[in-house]
Amino acid sequence: MDKIISDRDFFKIDETDYFILGGCWESLFLIDKKNNNEIHLGDLDGVVDIGVISKDNSWAITGREVIFLWLNGQVITIDKKELACVEGIKLIGDNLVELNIDILNLNSNKSKWILNTVTQELIKIK
């Protein structure tokens, strides 16, 4: 069986020494580079090109209308109305990311949040 990473349509979102976060069309994957395992994070509408892998490789996050968080070997789907239309994910601490939502306010949902990737605690900052 061919690996998704060898598909010519595969694209990288982020990469560390251990993992590649990427996608093929609308499917998102975390690739374990050490043992060549492919972890399917989920599928979204449209191509998603945002996401981050933690500095210590303990978690990875990506998304758009929902968020896929890989943490301790588990895929967690965060599906909250206030987080629909993620347009930016930025690492701001060891386990903290800033989420930019609906930047152009096309869905009247423009906001910024801080997400603790370990506890999934959300704090609205704007």
C-alpha atoms as a PDB file:
ATOM      1  CA  MET A   1       0.000   0.000   0.000  1.00  0.00           C
ATOM      2  CA  ASP A   2       1.371   3.407  -0.956  1.00  0.00           C
ATOM      3  CA  LYS A   3       2.076   5.920   1.766  1.00  0.00           C
ATOM      4  CA  ILE A   4       0.166   9.204   1.672  1.00  0.00           C
ATOM      5  CA  ILE A   5       3.413  11.143   1.940  1.00  0.00           C
ATOM      6  CA  SER A   6       4.482   9.759  -1.460  1.00  0.00           C
ATOM      7  CA  ASP A   7       1.292  11.046  -3.112  1.00  0.00           C
ATOM      8  CA  ARG A   8       2.188  13.922  -5.434  1.00  0.00           C
ATOM      9  CA  ASP A   9      -0.667  15.977  -3.943  1.00  0.00           C
ATOM     10  CA  PHE A  10       0.654  15.677  -0.375  1.00  0.00           C
ATOM     11  CA  PHE A  11       1.705  19.006   1.160  1.00  0.00           C
ATOM     12  CA  LYS A  12       3.519  19.869   4.389  1.00  0.00           C
ATOM     13  CA  ILE A  13       2.078  22.261   6.944  1.00  0.00           C
ATOM     14  CA  ASP A  14       4.750  21.874   9.646  1.00  0.00           C
ATOM     15  CA  GLU A  15       7.678  19.549  10.332  1.00  0.00           C
ATOM     16  CA  THR A  16       9.954  18.574  13.216  1.00  0.00           C
ATOM     17  CA  ASP A  17      12.656  15.926  13.563  1.00  0.00           C
ATOM     18  CA  TYR A  18       9.937  13.386  14.483  1.00  0.00           C
ATOM     19  CA  PHE A  19       6.755  14.417  12.654  1.00  0.00           C
ATOM     20  CA  ILE A  20       5.345  15.924   9.502  1.00  0.00           C
ATOM     21  CA  LEU A  21       1.933  17.596   9.706  1.00  0.00           C
ATOM     22  CA  GLY A  22       0.371  17.726   6.280  1.00  0.00           C
ATOM     23  CA  GLY A  23      -2.465  16.921   4.019  1.00  0.00           C
ATOM     24  CA  CYS A  24      -3.613  15.478   0.770  1.00  0.00           C
ATOM     25  CA  TRP A  25      -6.537  17.393  -0.616  1.00  0.00           C
ATOM     26  CA  GLU A  26      -9.022  17.630   2.269  1.00  0.00           C
ATOM     27  CA  SER A  27      -7.519  14.909   4.492  1.00  0.00           C
ATOM     28  CA  LEU A  28      -5.061  15.830   7.236  1.00  0.00           C
ATOM     29  CA  PHE A  29      -2.310  13.594   8.570  1.00  0.00           C
ATOM     30  CA  LEU A  30       0.448  13.459  11.131  1.00  0.00           C
ATOM     31  CA  ILE A  31       3.318  11.338   9.819  1.00  0.00           C
ATOM     32  CA  ASP A  32       5.663   9.701  12.325  1.00  0.00           C
ATOM     33  CA  LYS A  33       9.020   9.949  10.536  1.00  0.00           C
ATOM     34  CA  LYS A  34      10.761   7.415  12.813  1.00  0.00           C
ATOM     35  CA  ASN A  35       8.503   4.444  12.036  1.00  0.00           C
ATOM     36  CA  ASN A  36       6.677   5.785   8.964  1.00  0.00           C
ATOM     37  CA  ASN A  37       3.234   5.593  10.600  1.00  0.00           C
ATOM     38  CA  GLU A  38       0.463   7.746   9.187  1.00  0.00           C
ATOM     39  CA  ILE A  39      -2.040   9.110  11.680  1.00  0.00           C
ATOM     40  CA  HIS A  40      -5.227  10.307   9.978  1.00  0.00           C
ATOM     41  CA  LEU A  41      -6.403  13.383  11.890  1.00  0.00           C
ATOM     42  CA  GLY A  42      -9.589  13.954   9.949  1.00  0.00           C
ATOM     43  CA  ASP A  43     -11.169  15.472   6.866  1.00  0.00           C
ATOM     44  CA  LEU A  44     -12.307  19.043   6.306  1.00  0.00           C
ATOM     45  CA  ASP A  45     -14.037  20.985   3.549  1.00  0.00           C
ATOM     46  CA  GLY A  46     -11.351  22.603   1.438  1.00  0.00           C
ATOM     47  CA  VAL A  47      -7.586  22.494   1.637  1.00  0.00           C
ATOM     48  CA  VAL A  48      -6.194  23.448   5.051  1.00  0.00           C
ATOM     49  CA  ASP A  49      -2.657  24.803   5.258  1.00  0.00           C
ATOM     50  CA  ILE A  50      -2.405  25.916   8.889  1.00  0.00           C
ATOM     51  CA  GLY A  51      -1.187  24.005  11.904  1.00  0.00           C
ATOM     52  CA  VAL A  52       1.611  23.535  14.399  1.00  0.00           C
ATOM     53  CA  ILE A  53       3.576  20.692  15.957  1.00  0.00           C
ATOM     54  CA  SER A  54       4.783  21.332  19.518  1.00  0.00           C
ATOM     55  CA  LYS A  55       8.493  21.829  20.145  1.00  0.00           C
ATOM     56  CA  ASP A  56       8.625  18.616  22.199  1.00  0.00           C
ATOM     57  CA  ASN A  57       6.528  16.628  19.679  1.00  0.00           C
ATOM     58  CA  SER A  58       3.863  15.827  22.286  1.00  0.00           C
ATOM     59  CA  TRP A  59       0.978  17.369  20.328  1.00  0.00           C
ATOM     60  CA  ALA A  60      -0.028  18.749  16.928  1.00  0.00           C
ATOM     61  CA  ILE A  61      -2.960  20.924  15.910  1.00  0.00           C
ATOM     62  CA  THR A  62      -4.661  21.871  12.646  1.00  0.00           C
ATOM     63  CA  GLY A  63      -8.144  22.737  11.474  1.00  0.00           C
ATOM     64  CA  ARG A  64     -10.591  25.092   9.848  1.00  0.00           C
ATOM     65  CA  GLU A  65     -14.303  24.588  10.649  1.00  0.00           C
ATOM     66  CA  VAL A  66     -13.297  22.152  13.394  1.00  0.00           C
ATOM     67  CA  ILE A  67      -9.940  21.670  15.090  1.00  0.00           C
ATOM     68  CA  PHE A  68      -8.011  18.410  15.132  1.00  0.00           C
ATOM     69  CA  LEU A  69      -5.652  18.043  18.090  1.00  0.00           C
ATOM     70  CA  TRP A  70      -3.318  15.065  18.335  1.00  0.00           C
ATOM     71  CA  LEU A  71      -2.285  14.657  21.969  1.00  0.00           C
ATOM     72  CA  ASN A  72      -0.615  11.679  23.649  1.00  0.00           C
ATOM     73  CA  GLY A  73      -1.422   9.428  20.705  1.00  0.00           C
ATOM     74  CA  GLN A  74      -5.107  10.360  20.619  1.00  0.00           C
ATOM     75  CA  VAL A  75      -6.932  12.496  18.053  1.00  0.00           C
ATOM     76  CA  ILE A  76      -9.304  14.972  19.696  1.00  0.00           C
ATOM     77  CA  THR A  77     -11.855  16.856  17.617  1.00  0.00           C
ATOM     78  CA  ILE A  78     -12.772  20.297  18.958  1.00  0.00           C
ATOM     79  CA  ASP A  79     -16.033  21.384  17.366  1.00  0.00           C
ATOM     80  CA  LYS A  80     -17.264  24.649  18.865  1.00  0.00           C
ATOM     81  CA  LYS A  81     -19.383  27.246  17.092  1.00  0.00           C
ATOM     82  CA  GLU A  82     -17.208  30.111  18.368  1.00  0.00           C
ATOM     83  CA  LEU A  83     -14.107  28.499  16.792  1.00  0.00           C
ATOM     84  CA  ALA A  84     -15.562  27.867  13.331  1.00  0.00           C
ATOM     85  CA  CYS A  85     -13.446  29.343  10.537  1.00  0.00           C
ATOM     86  CA  VAL A  86      -9.950  29.038  12.034  1.00  0.00           C
ATOM     87  CA  GLU A  87      -7.661  31.055   9.770  1.00  0.00           C
ATOM     88  CA  GLY A  88      -4.485  31.153  11.826  1.00  0.00           C
ATOM     89  CA  ILE A  89      -2.748  29.011  14.453  1.00  0.00           C
ATOM     90  CA  LYS A  90       0.342  30.353  16.176  1.00  0.00           C
ATOM     91  CA  LEU A  91       2.464  28.741  18.883  1.00  0.00           C
ATOM     92  CA  ILE A  92       2.742  31.174  21.821  1.00  0.00           C
ATOM     93  CA  GLY A  93       3.923  28.854  24.628  1.00  0.00           C
ATOM     94  CA  ASP A  94       4.905  25.261  25.295  1.00  0.00           C
ATOM     95  CA  ASN A  95       1.271  24.133  25.307  1.00  0.00           C
ATOM     96  CA  LEU A  96      -0.482  27.301  24.158  1.00  0.00           C
ATOM     97  CA  VAL A  97      -1.642  28.343  20.713  1.00  0.00           C
ATOM     98  CA  GLU A  98      -3.350  31.490  19.522  1.00  0.00           C
ATOM     99  CA  LEU A  99      -6.304  30.856  17.223  1.00  0.00           C
ATOM    100  CA  ASN A 100      -7.363  33.566  14.771  1.00  0.00           C
ATOM    101  CA  ILE A 101     -11.005  33.103  13.849  1.00  0.00           C
ATOM    102  CA  ASP A 102     -12.792  34.598  10.826  1.00  0.00           C
ATOM    103  CA  ILE A 103     -10.120  37.263  10.205  1.00  0.00           C
ATOM    104  CA  LEU A 104     -12.158  39.169   7.586  1.00  0.00           C
ATOM    105  CA  ASN A 105     -15.334  38.817   9.692  1.00  0.00           C
ATOM    106  CA  LEU A 106     -17.198  37.237   6.780  1.00  0.00           C
ATOM    107  CA  ASN A 107     -19.158  35.067   9.236  1.00  0.00           C
ATOM    108  CA  SER A 108     -19.514  37.801  11.905  1.00  0.00           C
ATOM    109  CA  ASN A 109     -17.333  35.667  14.151  1.00  0.00           C
ATOM    110  CA  LYS A 110     -13.990  37.533  14.151  1.00  0.00           C
ATOM    111  CA  SER A 111     -12.103  36.748  17.346  1.00  0.00           C
ATOM    112  CA  LYS A 112      -8.847  35.542  18.874  1.00  0.00           C
ATOM    113  CA  TRP A 113      -8.549  32.749  21.396  1.00  0.00           C
ATOM    114  CA  ILE A 114      -5.820  31.075  23.388  1.00  0.00           C
ATOM    115  CA  LEU A 115      -6.113  27.297  23.552  1.00  0.00           C
ATOM    116  CA  ASN A 116      -4.233  25.202  26.073  1.00  0.00           C
ATOM    117  CA  THR A 117      -3.524  22.062  24.053  1.00  0.00           C
ATOM    118  CA  VAL A 118      -3.144  19.885  27.147  1.00  0.00           C
ATOM    119  CA  THR A 119      -6.293  20.915  29.046  1.00  0.00           C
ATOM    120  CA  GLN A 120      -8.287  22.194  26.032  1.00  0.00           C
ATOM    121  CA  GLU A 121      -9.073  25.331  28.085  1.00  0.00           C
ATOM    122  CA  LEU A 122     -10.101  28.251  25.863  1.00  0.00           C
ATOM    123  CA  ILE A 123      -9.680  31.915  26.683  1.00  0.00           C
ATOM    124  CA  LYS A 124     -11.087  34.629  24.409  1.00  0.00           C
ATOM    125  CA  ILE A 125      -8.580  37.475  24.087  1.00  0.00           C
ATOM    126  CA  LYS A 126     -10.232  39.630  21.428  1.00  0.00           C
END
